[in-house]
Every structure is written in C-alpha cells, then in structure tokens.
PDB file of N, CA and C in Angstrom:
ATOM      1  N   UNK A   1     -29.300 -19.561  57.462  1.00  0.00           N
ATOM      2  CA  UNK A   1     -30.574 -18.954  57.807  1.00  0.00           C
ATOM      3  C   UNK A   1     -31.549 -20.066  58.139  1.00  0.00           C
ATOM      4  N   UNK A   2     -32.045 -20.068  59.310  1.00  0.00           N
ATOM      5  CA  UNK A   2     -33.092 -21.002  59.710  1.00  0.00           C
ATOM      6  C   UNK A   2     -34.211 -20.204  60.342  1.00  0.00           C
ATOM      7  N   UNK A   3     -35.149 -19.810  59.509  1.00  0.00           N
ATOM      8  CA  UNK A   3     -36.311 -19.081  59.982  1.00  0.00           C
ATOM      9  C   UNK A   3     -37.507 -19.559  59.170  1.00  0.00           C
ATOM     10  N   UNK A   4     -38.708 -19.167  59.587  1.00  0.00           N
ATOM     11  CA  UNK A   4     -39.890 -19.621  58.875  1.00  0.00           C
ATOM     12  C   UNK A   4     -40.745 -18.452  58.432  1.00  0.00           C
ATOM     13  N   UNK A   5     -41.630 -18.731  57.490  1.00  0.00           N
ATOM     14  CA  UNK A   5     -42.658 -17.791  57.070  1.00  0.00           C
ATOM     15  C   UNK A   5     -43.912 -18.599  56.728  1.00  0.00           C
ATOM     16  N   UNK A   6     -45.021 -17.899  56.615  1.00  0.00           N
ATOM     17  CA  UNK A   6     -46.278 -18.547  56.257  1.00  0.00           C
ATOM     18  C   UNK A   6     -46.443 -18.545  54.746  1.00  0.00           C
ATOM     19  N   UNK A   7     -47.010 -19.603  54.229  1.00  0.00           N
ATOM     20  CA  UNK A   7     -47.211 -19.724  52.787  1.00  0.00           C
ATOM     21  C   UNK A   7     -48.344 -20.692  52.490  1.00  0.00           C
ATOM     22  N   UNK A   8     -48.292 -21.284  51.323  1.00  0.00           N
ATOM     23  CA  UNK A   8     -49.326 -22.233  50.917  1.00  0.00           C
ATOM     24  C   UNK A   8     -49.376 -23.421  51.873  1.00  0.00           C
ATOM     25  N   UNK A   9     -50.549 -23.922  52.119  1.00  0.00           N
ATOM     26  CA  UNK A   9     -50.736 -25.053  53.016  1.00  0.00           C
ATOM     27  C   UNK A   9     -50.387 -26.366  52.311  1.00  0.00           C
ATOM     28  N   UNK A  10     -49.632 -27.207  52.993  1.00  0.00           N
ATOM     29  CA  UNK A  10     -49.319 -28.556  52.521  1.00  0.00           C
ATOM     30  C   UNK A  10     -49.860 -29.521  53.565  1.00  0.00           C
ATOM     31  N   UNK A  11     -50.934 -30.216  53.226  1.00  0.00           N
ATOM     32  CA  UNK A  11     -51.594 -31.147  54.159  1.00  0.00           C
ATOM     33  C   UNK A  11     -51.888 -30.496  55.503  1.00  0.00           C
ATOM     34  N   UNK A  12     -52.346 -29.252  55.485  1.00  0.00           N
ATOM     35  CA  UNK A  12     -52.745 -28.545  56.698  1.00  0.00           C
ATOM     36  C   UNK A  12     -51.642 -27.772  57.389  1.00  0.00           C
ATOM     37  N   UNK A  13     -50.410 -27.835  56.888  1.00  0.00           N
ATOM     38  CA  UNK A  13     -49.279 -27.125  57.485  1.00  0.00           C
ATOM     39  C   UNK A  13     -48.932 -25.945  56.574  1.00  0.00           C
ATOM     40  N   UNK A  14     -48.995 -24.728  57.116  1.00  0.00           N
ATOM     41  CA  UNK A  14     -48.797 -23.540  56.273  1.00  0.00           C
ATOM     42  C   UNK A  14     -47.519 -22.772  56.595  1.00  0.00           C
ATOM     43  N   UNK A  15     -46.587 -23.396  57.309  1.00  0.00           N
ATOM     44  CA  UNK A  15     -45.304 -22.745  57.572  1.00  0.00           C
ATOM     45  C   UNK A  15     -44.221 -23.372  56.708  1.00  0.00           C
ATOM     46  N   UNK A  16     -43.268 -22.527  56.305  1.00  0.00           N
ATOM     47  CA  UNK A  16     -42.158 -22.929  55.441  1.00  0.00           C
ATOM     48  C   UNK A  16     -40.861 -22.470  56.082  1.00  0.00           C
ATOM     49  N   UNK A  17     -39.837 -23.316  56.075  1.00  0.00           N
ATOM     50  CA  UNK A  17     -38.539 -22.997  56.663  1.00  0.00           C
ATOM     51  C   UNK A  17     -37.511 -22.727  55.574  1.00  0.00           C
ATOM     52  N   UNK A  18     -36.747 -21.646  55.773  1.00  0.00           N
ATOM     53  CA  UNK A  18     -35.656 -21.309  54.849  1.00  0.00           C
ATOM     54  C   UNK A  18     -34.504 -22.266  55.098  1.00  0.00           C
ATOM     55  N   UNK A  19     -33.960 -22.815  54.033  1.00  0.00           N
ATOM     56  CA  UNK A  19     -32.851 -23.765  54.170  1.00  0.00           C
ATOM     57  C   UNK A  19     -31.730 -23.424  53.197  1.00  0.00           C
ATOM     58  N   UNK A  20     -30.515 -23.699  53.631  1.00  0.00           N
ATOM     59  CA  UNK A  20     -29.338 -23.617  52.771  1.00  0.00           C
ATOM     60  C   UNK A  20     -28.696 -24.990  52.786  1.00  0.00           C
ATOM     61  N   UNK A  21     -28.356 -25.479  51.596  1.00  0.00           N
ATOM     62  CA  UNK A  21     -27.726 -26.785  51.496  1.00  0.00           C
ATOM     63  C   UNK A  21     -26.833 -26.804  50.277  1.00  0.00           C
ATOM     64  N   UNK A  22     -25.594 -27.121  50.486  1.00  0.00           N
ATOM     65  CA  UNK A  22     -24.641 -27.322  49.397  1.00  0.00           C
ATOM     66  C   UNK A  22     -24.592 -26.121  48.441  1.00  0.00           C
ATOM     67  N   UNK A  23     -24.669 -24.916  49.017  1.00  0.00           N
ATOM     68  CA  UNK A  23     -24.606 -23.707  48.208  1.00  0.00           C
ATOM     69  C   UNK A  23     -25.933 -23.246  47.644  1.00  0.00           C
ATOM     70  N   UNK A  24     -27.010 -23.970  47.902  1.00  0.00           N
ATOM     71  CA  UNK A  24     -28.334 -23.611  47.404  1.00  0.00           C
ATOM     72  C   UNK A  24     -29.175 -23.024  48.528  1.00  0.00           C
ATOM     73  N   UNK A  25     -30.127 -22.181  48.163  1.00  0.00           N
ATOM     74  CA  UNK A  25     -31.080 -21.616  49.119  1.00  0.00           C
ATOM     75  C   UNK A  25     -32.485 -21.897  48.617  1.00  0.00           C
ATOM     76  N   UNK A  26     -33.386 -22.228  49.545  1.00  0.00           N
ATOM     77  CA  UNK A  26     -34.777 -22.454  49.156  1.00  0.00           C
ATOM     78  C   UNK A  26     -35.667 -22.546  50.373  1.00  0.00           C
ATOM     79  N   UNK A  27     -36.916 -22.834  50.119  1.00  0.00           N
ATOM     80  CA  UNK A  27     -37.918 -22.974  51.174  1.00  0.00           C
ATOM     81  C   UNK A  27     -38.472 -24.389  51.137  1.00  0.00           C
ATOM     82  N   UNK A  28     -38.661 -24.981  52.328  1.00  0.00           N
ATOM     83  CA  UNK A  28     -39.214 -26.327  52.437  1.00  0.00           C
ATOM     84  C   UNK A  28     -40.417 -26.262  53.367  1.00  0.00           C
ATOM     85  N   UNK A  29     -41.511 -26.870  52.936  1.00  0.00           N
ATOM     86  CA  UNK A  29     -42.692 -26.923  53.797  1.00  0.00           C
ATOM     87  C   UNK A  29     -42.340 -27.680  55.078  1.00  0.00           C
ATOM     88  N   UNK A  30     -42.765 -27.127  56.211  1.00  0.00           N
ATOM     89  CA  UNK A  30     -42.495 -27.782  57.493  1.00  0.00           C
ATOM     90  C   UNK A  30     -43.172 -29.151  57.581  1.00  0.00           C
ATOM     91  N   UNK A  31     -44.138 -29.404  56.746  1.00  0.00           N
ATOM     92  CA  UNK A  31     -44.780 -30.715  56.696  1.00  0.00           C
ATOM     93  C   UNK A  31     -43.754 -31.802  56.372  1.00  0.00           C
ATOM     94  N   UNK A  32     -42.754 -31.462  55.568  1.00  0.00           N
ATOM     95  CA  UNK A  32     -41.758 -32.444  55.127  1.00  0.00           C
ATOM     96  C   UNK A  32     -40.560 -32.554  56.066  1.00  0.00           C
ATOM     97  N   UNK A  33     -40.511 -31.748  57.132  1.00  0.00           N
ATOM     98  CA  UNK A  33     -39.367 -31.759  58.044  1.00  0.00           C
ATOM     99  C   UNK A  33     -39.705 -32.519  59.316  1.00  0.00           C
ATOM    100  N   UNK A  34     -38.826 -33.433  59.711  1.00  0.00           N
ATOM    101  CA  UNK A  34     -39.095 -34.277  60.877  1.00  0.00           C
ATOM    102  C   UNK A  34     -39.174 -33.484  62.174  1.00  0.00           C
ATOM    103  N   UNK A  35     -38.481 -32.314  62.239  1.00  0.00           N
ATOM    104  CA  UNK A  35     -38.519 -31.510  63.468  1.00  0.00           C
ATOM    105  C   UNK A  35     -39.489 -30.334  63.358  1.00  0.00           C
ATOM    106  N   UNK A  36     -40.324 -30.334  62.326  1.00  0.00           N
ATOM    107  CA  UNK A  36     -41.332 -29.301  62.075  1.00  0.00           C
ATOM    108  C   UNK A  36     -40.752 -27.944  61.804  1.00  0.00           C
ATOM    109  N   UNK A  37     -39.480 -27.859  61.448  1.00  0.00           N
ATOM    110  CA  UNK A  37     -38.870 -26.615  60.992  1.00  0.00           C
ATOM    111  C   UNK A  37     -38.487 -25.649  62.090  1.00  0.00           C
ATOM    112  N   UNK A  38     -38.174 -24.450  61.655  1.00  0.00           N
ATOM    113  CA  UNK A  38     -37.679 -23.411  62.542  1.00  0.00           C
ATOM    114  C   UNK A  38     -38.782 -22.819  63.408  1.00  0.00           C
ATOM    115  N   UNK A  39     -38.399 -22.323  64.574  1.00  0.00           N
ATOM    116  CA  UNK A  39     -39.328 -21.637  65.471  1.00  0.00           C
ATOM    117  C   UNK A  39     -39.126 -20.120  65.400  1.00  0.00           C
ATOM    118  N   UNK A  40     -38.142 -19.661  64.618  1.00  0.00           N
ATOM    119  CA  UNK A  40     -37.789 -18.242  64.505  1.00  0.00           C
ATOM    120  C   UNK A  40     -38.408 -17.643  63.243  1.00  0.00           C
ATOM    121  N   UNK A  41     -39.277 -16.635  63.399  1.00  0.00           N
ATOM    122  CA  UNK A  41     -39.834 -16.008  62.181  1.00  0.00           C
ATOM    123  C   UNK A  41     -38.774 -15.231  61.415  1.00  0.00           C
ATOM    124  N   UNK A  42     -38.944 -15.142  60.104  1.00  0.00           N
ATOM    125  CA  UNK A  42     -38.011 -14.389  59.260  1.00  0.00           C
ATOM    126  C   UNK A  42     -38.321 -12.903  59.314  1.00  0.00           C
TER     127      UNK A  42
END
C-alpha cells in the first residue's frame, strides 16, 4: 500500500504515506521521505 492521508504537520508538511516494511505497517510523515511520499490518496 502506497497512499497518503492528511495528518499532523511535521515542519510544515501535513501529508503521511502508508508504508509496509519487513511485515510491519505504519505511517511516515512525508517530511522524512526523500521523494515526498505517495501521490495517491488513500
């Protein structure tokens, strides 16, 4: 799943991308992603 949703702002960025890694699922602020996260809304 690579989609985004709006959430709390991190340094002015309020989008979060859903990520799966090594069997885990979570949300990462797009501020921390080098490609600014997903362009597909959830």
